[in-house]
Amino acid sequence: MDLYNELNYKIKQLNESLKRLSENGSKYAEAERDYKILLRQEVLKLRDEGQAIGVISLTCYGILKLQKLDLKEM
């Protein structure tokens, strides 16, 4: 019976791990979506302001990283 109980315990652990992986995957996908939306908004804003196209991506990544750091400090 010990082997049977151990097997059931391992199955329970695997199911819990799968549930956490699914939740974390969903959270990651939402965060990635939000990040890409912010990035595109920043690109469009800089293009409207007349920023050179070649430096827009570098500027946007820098701005978003600074905003991310500000959010972590809160």
PDB file of N, CA and C in Angstrom:
ATOM      1  N   MET A   1       0.809  -1.214   0.000  1.00  0.00           N
ATOM      2  CA  MET A   1       0.000   0.000   0.000  1.00  0.00           C
ATOM      3  C   MET A   1       0.845   1.268   0.000  1.00  0.00           C
ATOM      4  N   ASP A   2       2.050   1.194   0.513  1.00  0.00           N
ATOM      5  CA  ASP A   2       2.899   2.384   0.545  1.00  0.00           C
ATOM      6  C   ASP A   2       3.185   2.905  -0.853  1.00  0.00           C
ATOM      7  N   LEU A   3       3.458   1.999  -1.763  1.00  0.00           N
ATOM      8  CA  LEU A   3       3.741   2.405  -3.139  1.00  0.00           C
ATOM      9  C   LEU A   3       2.518   3.072  -3.769  1.00  0.00           C
ATOM     10  N   TYR A   4       1.351   2.548  -3.502  1.00  0.00           N
ATOM     11  CA  TYR A   4       0.110   3.121  -4.017  1.00  0.00           C
ATOM     12  C   TYR A   4      -0.101   4.536  -3.460  1.00  0.00           C
ATOM     13  N   ASN A   5       0.100   4.716  -2.175  1.00  0.00           N
ATOM     14  CA  ASN A   5      -0.059   6.038  -1.551  1.00  0.00           C
ATOM     15  C   ASN A   5       0.964   7.026  -2.084  1.00  0.00           C
ATOM     16  N   GLU A   6       2.188   6.553  -2.257  1.00  0.00           N
ATOM     17  CA  GLU A   6       3.232   7.433  -2.796  1.00  0.00           C
ATOM     18  C   GLU A   6       2.893   7.857  -4.222  1.00  0.00           C
ATOM     19  N   LEU A   7       2.394   6.923  -5.009  1.00  0.00           N
ATOM     20  CA  LEU A   7       1.999   7.235  -6.384  1.00  0.00           C
ATOM     21  C   LEU A   7       0.867   8.259  -6.405  1.00  0.00           C
ATOM     22  N   ASN A   8      -0.118   8.086  -5.553  1.00  0.00           N
ATOM     23  CA  ASN A   8      -1.214   9.057  -5.475  1.00  0.00           C
ATOM     24  C   ASN A   8      -0.713  10.426  -5.045  1.00  0.00           C
ATOM     25  N   TYR A   9       0.226  10.460  -4.111  1.00  0.00           N
ATOM     26  CA  TYR A   9       0.800  11.722  -3.656  1.00  0.00           C
ATOM     27  C   TYR A   9       1.529  12.424  -4.798  1.00  0.00           C
ATOM     28  N   LYS A  10       2.311  11.663  -5.557  1.00  0.00           N
ATOM     29  CA  LYS A  10       3.051  12.238  -6.693  1.00  0.00           C
ATOM     30  C   LYS A  10       2.088  12.748  -7.772  1.00  0.00           C
ATOM     31  N   ILE A  11       1.010  12.029  -7.998  1.00  0.00           N
ATOM     32  CA  ILE A  11       0.009  12.472  -8.978  1.00  0.00           C
ATOM     33  C   ILE A  11      -0.626  13.780  -8.520  1.00  0.00           C
ATOM     34  N   LYS A  12      -0.907  13.873  -7.229  1.00  0.00           N
ATOM     35  CA  LYS A  12      -1.483  15.102  -6.677  1.00  0.00           C
ATOM     36  C   LYS A  12      -0.501  16.272  -6.841  1.00  0.00           C
ATOM     37  N   GLN A  13       0.780  16.027  -6.586  1.00  0.00           N
ATOM     38  CA  GLN A  13       1.796  17.065  -6.754  1.00  0.00           C
ATOM     39  C   GLN A  13       1.885  17.513  -8.213  1.00  0.00           C
ATOM     40  N   LEU A  14       1.852  16.560  -9.131  1.00  0.00           N
ATOM     41  CA  LEU A  14       1.907  16.895 -10.557  1.00  0.00           C
ATOM     42  C   LEU A  14       0.706  17.732 -10.977  1.00  0.00           C
ATOM     43  N   ASN A  15      -0.464  17.368 -10.507  1.00  0.00           N
ATOM     44  CA  ASN A  15      -1.667  18.135 -10.847  1.00  0.00           C
ATOM     45  C   ASN A  15      -1.588  19.562 -10.308  1.00  0.00           C
ATOM     46  N   GLU A  16      -1.083  19.719  -9.090  1.00  0.00           N
ATOM     47  CA  GLU A  16      -0.919  21.060  -8.521  1.00  0.00           C
ATOM     48  C   GLU A  16       0.109  21.863  -9.307  1.00  0.00           C
ATOM     49  N   SER A  17       1.192  21.204  -9.725  1.00  0.00           N
ATOM     50  CA  SER A  17       2.220  21.883 -10.521  1.00  0.00           C
ATOM     51  C   SER A  17       1.668  22.322 -11.868  1.00  0.00           C
ATOM     52  N   LEU A  18       0.880  21.454 -12.498  1.00  0.00           N
ATOM     53  CA  LEU A  18       0.271  21.812 -13.781  1.00  0.00           C
ATOM     54  C   LEU A  18      -0.667  23.000 -13.636  1.00  0.00           C
ATOM     55  N   LYS A  19      -1.410  23.032 -12.546  1.00  0.00           N
ATOM     56  CA  LYS A  19      -2.323  24.147 -12.305  1.00  0.00           C
ATOM     57  C   LYS A  19      -1.541  25.450 -12.143  1.00  0.00           C
ATOM     58  N   ARG A  20      -0.447  25.409 -11.355  1.00  0.00           N
ATOM     59  CA  ARG A  20       0.382  26.612 -11.162  1.00  0.00           C
ATOM     60  C   ARG A  20       1.037  27.042 -12.462  1.00  0.00           C
ATOM     61  N   LEU A  21       1.510  26.077 -13.253  1.00  0.00           N
ATOM     62  CA  LEU A  21       2.113  26.412 -14.548  1.00  0.00           C
ATOM     63  C   LEU A  21       1.104  27.091 -15.463  1.00  0.00           C
ATOM     64  N   SER A  22      -0.109  26.603 -15.463  1.00  0.00           N
ATOM     65  CA  SER A  22      -1.163  27.196 -16.289  1.00  0.00           C
ATOM     66  C   SER A  22      -1.459  28.625 -15.841  1.00  0.00           C
ATOM     67  N   GLU A  23      -1.572  28.827 -14.527  1.00  0.00           N
ATOM     68  CA  GLU A  23      -1.841  30.169 -14.000  1.00  0.00           C
ATOM     69  C   GLU A  23      -0.691  31.118 -14.321  1.00  0.00           C
ATOM     70  N   ASN A  24       0.535  30.656 -14.108  1.00  0.00           N
ATOM     71  CA  ASN A  24       1.693  31.507 -14.386  1.00  0.00           C
ATOM     72  C   ASN A  24       1.827  31.807 -15.876  1.00  0.00           C
ATOM     73  N   GLY A  25       1.510  30.825 -16.712  1.00  0.00           N
ATOM     74  CA  GLY A  25       1.551  31.048 -18.157  1.00  0.00           C
ATOM     75  C   GLY A  25       0.541  32.099 -18.591  1.00  0.00           C
ATOM     76  N   SER A  26      -0.632  32.059 -17.998  1.00  0.00           N
ATOM     77  CA  SER A  26      -1.655  33.062 -18.322  1.00  0.00           C
ATOM     78  C   SER A  26      -1.225  34.448 -17.865  1.00  0.00           C
ATOM     79  N   LYS A  27      -0.674  34.534 -16.663  1.00  0.00           N
ATOM     80  CA  LYS A  27      -0.197  35.825 -16.154  1.00  0.00           C
ATOM     81  C   LYS A  27       0.924  36.372 -17.030  1.00  0.00           C
ATOM     82  N   TYR A  28       1.829  35.487 -17.460  1.00  0.00           N
ATOM     83  CA  TYR A  28       2.928  35.911 -18.321  1.00  0.00           C
ATOM     84  C   TYR A  28       2.404  36.422 -19.656  1.00  0.00           C
ATOM     85  N   ALA A  29       1.448  35.721 -20.234  1.00  0.00           N
ATOM     86  CA  ALA A  29       0.884  36.140 -21.519  1.00  0.00           C
ATOM     87  C   ALA A  29       0.191  37.496 -21.399  1.00  0.00           C
ATOM     88  N   GLU A  30      -0.527  37.718 -20.309  1.00  0.00           N
ATOM     89  CA  GLU A  30      -1.182  39.009 -20.094  1.00  0.00           C
ATOM     90  C   GLU A  30      -0.153  40.125 -19.927  1.00  0.00           C
ATOM     91  N   ALA A  31       0.900  39.856 -19.171  1.00  0.00           N
ATOM     92  CA  ALA A  31       1.944  40.863 -18.971  1.00  0.00           C
ATOM     93  C   ALA A  31       2.650  41.186 -20.282  1.00  0.00           C
ATOM     94  N   GLU A  32       2.906  40.164 -21.090  1.00  0.00           N
ATOM     95  CA  GLU A  32       3.542  40.370 -22.392  1.00  0.00           C
ATOM     96  C   GLU A  32       2.647  41.203 -23.306  1.00  0.00           C
ATOM     97  N   ARG A  33       1.358  40.910 -23.290  1.00  0.00           N
ATOM     98  CA  ARG A  33       0.400  41.672 -24.104  1.00  0.00           C
ATOM     99  C   ARG A  33       0.385  43.142 -23.678  1.00  0.00           C
ATOM    100  N   ASP A  34       0.314  43.367 -22.370  1.00  0.00           N
ATOM    101  CA  ASP A  34       0.295  44.737 -21.854  1.00  0.00           C
ATOM    102  C   ASP A  34       1.581  45.480 -22.213  1.00  0.00           C
ATOM    103  N   TYR A  35       2.705  44.783 -22.120  1.00  0.00           N
ATOM    104  CA  TYR A  35       3.993  45.390 -22.457  1.00  0.00           C
ATOM    105  C   TYR A  35       4.030  45.793 -23.927  1.00  0.00           C
ATOM    106  N   LYS A  36       3.566  44.906 -24.799  1.00  0.00           N
ATOM    107  CA  LYS A  36       3.587  45.218 -26.228  1.00  0.00           C
ATOM    108  C   LYS A  36       2.650  46.373 -26.567  1.00  0.00           C
ATOM    109  N   ILE A  37       1.531  46.449 -25.883  1.00  0.00           N
ATOM    110  CA  ILE A  37       0.612  47.571 -26.101  1.00  0.00           C
ATOM    111  C   ILE A  37       1.279  48.879 -25.697  1.00  0.00           C
ATOM    112  N   LEU A  38       1.909  48.885 -24.514  1.00  0.00           N
ATOM    113  CA  LEU A  38       2.617  50.092 -24.072  1.00  0.00           C
ATOM    114  C   LEU A  38       3.736  50.471 -25.027  1.00  0.00           C
ATOM    115  N   LEU A  39       4.457  49.480 -25.511  1.00  0.00           N
ATOM    116  CA  LEU A  39       5.553  49.737 -26.444  1.00  0.00           C
ATOM    117  C   LEU A  39       5.028  50.366 -27.730  1.00  0.00           C
ATOM    118  N   ARG A  40       3.956  49.830 -28.268  1.00  0.00           N
ATOM    119  CA  ARG A  40       3.389  50.381 -29.503  1.00  0.00           C
ATOM    120  C   ARG A  40       2.839  51.793 -29.300  1.00  0.00           C
ATOM    121  N   GLN A  41       2.235  52.026 -28.148  1.00  0.00           N
ATOM    122  CA  GLN A  41       1.736  53.372 -27.855  1.00  0.00           C
ATOM    123  C   GLN A  41       2.880  54.369 -27.788  1.00  0.00           C
ATOM    124  N   GLU A  42       3.977  53.965 -27.157  1.00  0.00           N
ATOM    125  CA  GLU A  42       5.142  54.850 -27.036  1.00  0.00           C
ATOM    126  C   GLU A  42       5.759  55.116 -28.408  1.00  0.00           C
ATOM    127  N   VAL A  43       5.821  54.085 -29.265  1.00  0.00           N
ATOM    128  CA  VAL A  43       6.357  54.260 -30.622  1.00  0.00           C
ATOM    129  C   VAL A  43       5.507  55.261 -31.396  1.00  0.00           C
ATOM    130  N   LEU A  44       4.201  55.110 -31.328  1.00  0.00           N
ATOM    131  CA  LEU A  44       3.315  56.020 -32.058  1.00  0.00           C
ATOM    132  C   LEU A  44       3.439  57.448 -31.529  1.00  0.00           C
ATOM    133  N   LYS A  45       3.575  57.582 -30.219  1.00  0.00           N
ATOM    134  CA  LYS A  45       3.713  58.922 -29.630  1.00  0.00           C
ATOM    135  C   LYS A  45       4.991  59.592 -30.127  1.00  0.00           C
ATOM    136  N   LEU A  46       6.089  58.829 -30.135  1.00  0.00           N
ATOM    137  CA  LEU A  46       7.363  59.404 -30.580  1.00  0.00           C
ATOM    138  C   LEU A  46       7.346  59.711 -32.073  1.00  0.00           C
ATOM    139  N   ARG A  47       6.675  58.881 -32.859  1.00  0.00           N
ATOM    140  CA  ARG A  47       6.576  59.157 -34.294  1.00  0.00           C
ATOM    141  C   ARG A  47       5.788  60.436 -34.537  1.00  0.00           C
ATOM    142  N   ASP A  48       4.723  60.635 -33.760  1.00  0.00           N
ATOM    143  CA  ASP A  48       3.936  61.860 -33.895  1.00  0.00           C
ATOM    144  C   ASP A  48       4.736  63.091 -33.509  1.00  0.00           C
ATOM    145  N   GLU A  49       5.670  62.918 -32.564  1.00  0.00           N
ATOM    146  CA  GLU A  49       6.497  64.039 -32.123  1.00  0.00           C
ATOM    147  C   GLU A  49       7.649  64.321 -33.087  1.00  0.00           C
ATOM    148  N   GLY A  50       7.815  63.462 -34.122  1.00  0.00           N
ATOM    149  CA  GLY A  50       8.842  63.692 -35.112  1.00  0.00           C
ATOM    150  C   GLY A  50      10.188  63.063 -34.780  1.00  0.00           C
ATOM    151  N   GLN A  51      10.211  62.150 -33.862  1.00  0.00           N
ATOM    152  CA  GLN A  51      11.458  61.473 -33.491  1.00  0.00           C
ATOM    153  C   GLN A  51      11.969  60.663 -34.676  1.00  0.00           C
ATOM    154  N   ALA A  52      13.302  60.592 -34.840  1.00  0.00           N
ATOM    155  CA  ALA A  52      13.896  59.809 -35.918  1.00  0.00           C
ATOM    156  C   ALA A  52      13.540  58.329 -35.734  1.00  0.00           C
ATOM    157  N   ILE A  53      13.133  57.702 -36.823  1.00  0.00           N
ATOM    158  CA  ILE A  53      12.648  56.327 -36.755  1.00  0.00           C
ATOM    159  C   ILE A  53      13.720  55.369 -36.245  1.00  0.00           C
ATOM    160  N   GLY A  54      14.966  55.621 -36.580  1.00  0.00           N
ATOM    161  CA  GLY A  54      16.053  54.728 -36.192  1.00  0.00           C
ATOM    162  C   GLY A  54      16.282  54.636 -34.693  1.00  0.00           C
ATOM    163  N   VAL A  55      15.944  55.668 -33.955  1.00  0.00           N
ATOM    164  CA  VAL A  55      16.180  55.639 -32.513  1.00  0.00           C
ATOM    165  C   VAL A  55      14.904  55.428 -31.698  1.00  0.00           C
ATOM    166  N   ILE A  56      13.782  55.313 -32.365  1.00  0.00           N
ATOM    167  CA  ILE A  56      12.515  55.146 -31.638  1.00  0.00           C
ATOM    168  C   ILE A  56      12.531  53.878 -30.795  1.00  0.00           C
ATOM    169  N   SER A  57      12.972  52.759 -31.376  1.00  0.00           N
ATOM    170  CA  SER A  57      12.918  51.504 -30.622  1.00  0.00           C
ATOM    171  C   SER A  57      13.820  51.564 -29.396  1.00  0.00           C
ATOM    172  N   LEU A  58      15.015  52.107 -29.547  1.00  0.00           N
ATOM    173  CA  LEU A  58      15.918  52.226 -28.399  1.00  0.00           C
ATOM    174  C   LEU A  58      15.332  53.143 -27.336  1.00  0.00           C
ATOM    175  N   THR A  59      14.764  54.235 -27.764  1.00  0.00           N
ATOM    176  CA  THR A  59      14.152  55.181 -26.824  1.00  0.00           C
ATOM    177  C   THR A  59      12.986  54.534 -26.092  1.00  0.00           C
ATOM    178  N   CYS A  60      12.149  53.820 -26.819  1.00  0.00           N
ATOM    179  CA  CYS A  60      10.975  53.181 -26.200  1.00  0.00           C
ATOM    180  C   CYS A  60      11.374  52.129 -25.185  1.00  0.00           C
ATOM    181  N   TYR A  61      12.333  51.288 -25.535  1.00  0.00           N
ATOM    182  CA  TYR A  61      12.771  50.263 -24.588  1.00  0.00           C
ATOM    183  C   TYR A  61      13.341  50.898 -23.331  1.00  0.00           C
ATOM    184  N   GLY A  62      14.093  51.971 -23.500  1.00  0.00           N
ATOM    185  CA  GLY A  62      14.639  52.670 -22.340  1.00  0.00           C
ATOM    186  C   GLY A  62      13.553  53.275 -21.472  1.00  0.00           C
ATOM    187  N   ILE A  63      12.568  53.900 -22.091  1.00  0.00           N
ATOM    188  CA  ILE A  63      11.464  54.513 -21.345  1.00  0.00           C
ATOM    189  C   ILE A  63      10.681  53.455 -20.575  1.00  0.00           C
ATOM    190  N   LEU A  64      10.375  52.337 -21.243  1.00  0.00           N
ATOM    191  CA  LEU A  64       9.596  51.289 -20.582  1.00  0.00           C
ATOM    192  C   LEU A  64      10.381  50.632 -19.452  1.00  0.00           C
ATOM    193  N   LYS A  65      11.690  50.485 -19.608  1.00  0.00           N
ATOM    194  CA  LYS A  65      12.491  49.914 -18.526  1.00  0.00           C
ATOM    195  C   LYS A  65      12.504  50.848 -17.322  1.00  0.00           C
ATOM    196  N   LEU A  66      12.596  52.146 -17.579  1.00  0.00           N
ATOM    197  CA  LEU A  66      12.560  53.096 -16.471  1.00  0.00           C
ATOM    198  C   LEU A  66      11.207  53.062 -15.770  1.00  0.00           C
ATOM    199  N   GLN A  67      10.129  52.969 -16.546  1.00  0.00           N
ATOM    200  CA  GLN A  67       8.798  52.883 -15.948  1.00  0.00           C
ATOM    201  C   GLN A  67       8.662  51.606 -15.129  1.00  0.00           C
ATOM    202  N   LYS A  68       9.238  50.525 -15.613  1.00  0.00           N
ATOM    203  CA  LYS A  68       9.185  49.247 -14.902  1.00  0.00           C
ATOM    204  C   LYS A  68       9.927  49.362 -13.568  1.00  0.00           C
ATOM    205  N   LEU A  69      11.073  50.023 -13.574  1.00  0.00           N
ATOM    206  CA  LEU A  69      11.827  50.215 -12.347  1.00  0.00           C
ATOM    207  C   LEU A  69      11.042  51.072 -11.363  1.00  0.00           C
ATOM    208  N   ASP A  70      10.367  52.107 -11.862  1.00  0.00           N
ATOM    209  CA  ASP A  70       9.558  52.967 -10.995  1.00  0.00           C
ATOM    210  C   ASP A  70       8.418  52.189 -10.355  1.00  0.00           C
ATOM    211  N   LEU A  71       7.819  51.261 -11.128  1.00  0.00           N
ATOM    212  CA  LEU A  71       6.710  50.464 -10.591  1.00  0.00           C
ATOM    213  C   LEU A  71       7.193  49.496  -9.506  1.00  0.00           C
ATOM    214  N   LYS A  72       8.407  48.972  -9.650  1.00  0.00           N
ATOM    215  CA  LYS A  72       8.930  48.044  -8.644  1.00  0.00           C
ATOM    216  C   LYS A  72       9.211  48.737  -7.318  1.00  0.00           C
ATOM    217  N   GLU A  73       9.564  50.011  -7.379  1.00  0.00           N
ATOM    218  CA  GLU A  73       9.878  50.748  -6.159  1.00  0.00           C
ATOM    219  C   GLU A  73       8.643  51.064  -5.345  1.00  0.00           C
ATOM    220  N   MET A  74       7.467  51.033  -5.964  1.00  0.00           N
ATOM    221  CA  MET A  74       6.226  51.368  -5.266  1.00  0.00           C
ATOM    222  C   MET A  74       5.810  50.300  -4.316  1.00  0.00           C
TER     223      MET A  74
END
